[in-house]
């Protein structure tokens, strides 16, 4: 049995989670869950060699995606990769300014 570790949730309509792990670094895939998206497509096509490719597109409001991105960067402690200082500034894992 596995458990979802929610990184971000908005009104139970849009969320980002990983399956929980007991390792120090959770490298399980990130999953974006969208309930009743306003616009989405699921398509597949094959190339000349017969290889089938799938594609999933779903619209997420830009401001909601901003919050998802910030939550992910904080969870993975990647705020320093954005070129700014690492500390209690907005966006750091220890900041409560979001």
C-alpha atoms as a PDB file:
ATOM      1  CA  UNK A   1       0.000   0.000   0.000  1.00  0.00           C
ATOM      2  CA  UNK A   2       1.282   3.477  -0.807  1.00  0.00           C
ATOM      3  CA  UNK A   3       0.360   6.934   0.393  1.00  0.00           C
ATOM      4  CA  UNK A   4       0.223  10.199  -1.509  1.00  0.00           C
ATOM      5  CA  UNK A   5       2.479  12.927  -0.184  1.00  0.00           C
ATOM      6  CA  UNK A   6       0.720  16.109  -1.310  1.00  0.00           C
ATOM      7  CA  UNK A   7       3.089  18.892  -2.338  1.00  0.00           C
ATOM      8  CA  UNK A   8       0.270  21.281  -3.324  1.00  0.00           C
ATOM      9  CA  UNK A   9      -3.526  21.186  -3.354  1.00  0.00           C
ATOM     10  CA  UNK A  10      -6.091  23.802  -4.310  1.00  0.00           C
ATOM     11  CA  UNK A  11      -9.715  23.162  -3.344  1.00  0.00           C
ATOM     12  CA  UNK A  12      -9.276  19.452  -4.144  1.00  0.00           C
ATOM     13  CA  UNK A  13      -9.474  20.420  -7.849  1.00  0.00           C
ATOM     14  CA  UNK A  14      -5.780  20.724  -8.727  1.00  0.00           C
ATOM     15  CA  UNK A  15      -2.911  19.120  -6.910  1.00  0.00           C
ATOM     16  CA  UNK A  16       0.634  17.836  -7.105  1.00  0.00           C
ATOM     17  CA  UNK A  17       1.772  14.762  -5.218  1.00  0.00           C
ATOM     18  CA  UNK A  18       4.384  12.019  -5.001  1.00  0.00           C
ATOM     19  CA  UNK A  19       3.985   8.522  -3.682  1.00  0.00           C
ATOM     20  CA  UNK A  20       5.544   8.579  -0.230  1.00  0.00           C
ATOM     21  CA  UNK A  21       8.910   6.989   0.416  1.00  0.00           C
ATOM     22  CA  UNK A  22      11.011   6.549   3.529  1.00  0.00           C
ATOM     23  CA  UNK A  23      14.243   7.451   1.694  1.00  0.00           C
ATOM     24  CA  UNK A  24      15.859  10.795   2.474  1.00  0.00           C
ATOM     25  CA  UNK A  25      15.407  11.885  -1.169  1.00  0.00           C
ATOM     26  CA  UNK A  26      12.050  10.986  -2.680  1.00  0.00           C
ATOM     27  CA  UNK A  27      12.750  10.474  -6.392  1.00  0.00           C
ATOM     28  CA  UNK A  28       9.333   9.032  -7.239  1.00  0.00           C
ATOM     29  CA  UNK A  29       7.598  10.745 -10.170  1.00  0.00           C
ATOM     30  CA  UNK A  30       5.574  13.885  -9.519  1.00  0.00           C
ATOM     31  CA  UNK A  31       1.880  13.542 -10.380  1.00  0.00           C
ATOM     32  CA  UNK A  32      -0.380  16.467 -11.274  1.00  0.00           C
ATOM     33  CA  UNK A  33      -4.031  15.688 -10.578  1.00  0.00           C
ATOM     34  CA  UNK A  34      -6.742  17.868 -12.139  1.00  0.00           C
ATOM     35  CA  UNK A  35     -10.429  17.312 -11.368  1.00  0.00           C
ATOM     36  CA  UNK A  36     -12.765  18.477 -14.164  1.00  0.00           C
ATOM     37  CA  UNK A  37     -10.244  20.511 -16.209  1.00  0.00           C
ATOM     38  CA  UNK A  38     -11.774  23.251 -18.344  1.00  0.00           C
ATOM     39  CA  UNK A  39     -10.003  21.986 -21.449  1.00  0.00           C
ATOM     40  CA  UNK A  40      -8.026  18.802 -22.053  1.00  0.00           C
ATOM     41  CA  UNK A  41      -7.005  16.434 -24.847  1.00  0.00           C
ATOM     42  CA  UNK A  42      -5.669  12.915 -24.961  1.00  0.00           C
ATOM     43  CA  UNK A  43      -4.231  11.824 -28.287  1.00  0.00           C
ATOM     44  CA  UNK A  44      -2.042   9.170 -29.807  1.00  0.00           C
ATOM     45  CA  UNK A  45      -0.382   8.867 -33.176  1.00  0.00           C
ATOM     46  CA  UNK A  46       2.185   6.614 -34.755  1.00  0.00           C
ATOM     47  CA  UNK A  47       5.268   7.501 -36.743  1.00  0.00           C
ATOM     48  CA  UNK A  48       6.477   5.883 -39.981  1.00  0.00           C
ATOM     49  CA  UNK A  49       8.066   3.009 -38.005  1.00  0.00           C
ATOM     50  CA  UNK A  50       4.761   2.254 -36.310  1.00  0.00           C
ATOM     51  CA  UNK A  51       5.824   3.508 -32.881  1.00  0.00           C
ATOM     52  CA  UNK A  52       2.818   4.890 -31.007  1.00  0.00           C
ATOM     53  CA  UNK A  53       3.212   8.177 -29.138  1.00  0.00           C
ATOM     54  CA  UNK A  54       0.714   9.452 -26.585  1.00  0.00           C
ATOM     55  CA  UNK A  55       0.038  13.031 -25.597  1.00  0.00           C
ATOM     56  CA  UNK A  56      -1.922  14.491 -22.691  1.00  0.00           C
ATOM     57  CA  UNK A  57      -2.679  18.200 -22.479  1.00  0.00           C
ATOM     58  CA  UNK A  58      -4.708  19.854 -19.724  1.00  0.00           C
ATOM     59  CA  UNK A  59      -5.188  23.524 -18.979  1.00  0.00           C
ATOM     60  CA  UNK A  60      -4.185  24.804 -15.544  1.00  0.00           C
ATOM     61  CA  UNK A  61      -4.707  28.481 -14.674  1.00  0.00           C
ATOM     62  CA  UNK A  62      -1.359  30.297 -14.724  1.00  0.00           C
ATOM     63  CA  UNK A  63      -1.634  31.519 -11.124  1.00  0.00           C
ATOM     64  CA  UNK A  64      -2.381  27.976  -9.892  1.00  0.00           C
ATOM     65  CA  UNK A  65       0.601  26.606 -11.834  1.00  0.00           C
ATOM     66  CA  UNK A  66       2.774  29.324 -10.260  1.00  0.00           C
ATOM     67  CA  UNK A  67       1.832  27.965  -6.818  1.00  0.00           C
ATOM     68  CA  UNK A  68       2.492  24.377  -7.941  1.00  0.00           C
ATOM     69  CA  UNK A  69       5.941  25.349  -9.261  1.00  0.00           C
ATOM     70  CA  UNK A  70       6.873  27.200  -6.063  1.00  0.00           C
ATOM     71  CA  UNK A  71       5.694  24.303  -3.873  1.00  0.00           C
ATOM     72  CA  UNK A  72       7.750  21.836  -5.963  1.00  0.00           C
ATOM     73  CA  UNK A  73      10.895  23.976  -5.808  1.00  0.00           C
ATOM     74  CA  UNK A  74      10.526  24.297  -2.037  1.00  0.00           C
ATOM     75  CA  UNK A  75       9.929  20.568  -1.551  1.00  0.00           C
ATOM     76  CA  UNK A  76      12.965  19.627  -3.653  1.00  0.00           C
ATOM     77  CA  UNK A  77      15.043  22.452  -2.100  1.00  0.00           C
ATOM     78  CA  UNK A  78      15.854  23.861  -5.556  1.00  0.00           C
ATOM     79  CA  UNK A  79      15.396  27.542  -4.709  1.00  0.00           C
ATOM     80  CA  UNK A  80      19.155  28.186  -5.011  1.00  0.00           C
ATOM     81  CA  UNK A  81      19.069  26.944  -8.615  1.00  0.00           C
ATOM     82  CA  UNK A  82      17.081  30.038  -9.571  1.00  0.00           C
ATOM     83  CA  UNK A  83      20.124  32.255  -9.128  1.00  0.00           C
ATOM     84  CA  UNK A  84      19.080  34.032  -5.952  1.00  0.00           C
ATOM     85  CA  UNK A  85      20.439  33.850  -2.440  1.00  0.00           C
ATOM     86  CA  UNK A  86      19.589  30.873  -0.290  1.00  0.00           C
ATOM     87  CA  UNK A  87      18.007  31.740   3.036  1.00  0.00           C
ATOM     88  CA  UNK A  88      14.661  32.813   4.414  1.00  0.00           C
ATOM     89  CA  UNK A  89      13.750  34.788   1.286  1.00  0.00           C
ATOM     90  CA  UNK A  90      10.399  34.244  -0.404  1.00  0.00           C
ATOM     91  CA  UNK A  91      10.350  30.843  -2.079  1.00  0.00           C
ATOM     92  CA  UNK A  92      12.851  29.122   0.189  1.00  0.00           C
ATOM     93  CA  UNK A  93      11.748  25.915   1.959  1.00  0.00           C
ATOM     94  CA  UNK A  94      11.879  27.721   5.320  1.00  0.00           C
ATOM     95  CA  UNK A  95       9.934  30.802   4.222  1.00  0.00           C
ATOM     96  CA  UNK A  96       6.300  31.252   5.180  1.00  0.00           C
ATOM     97  CA  UNK A  97       5.766  34.149   2.768  1.00  0.00           C
ATOM     98  CA  UNK A  98       3.842  32.360   0.021  1.00  0.00           C
END
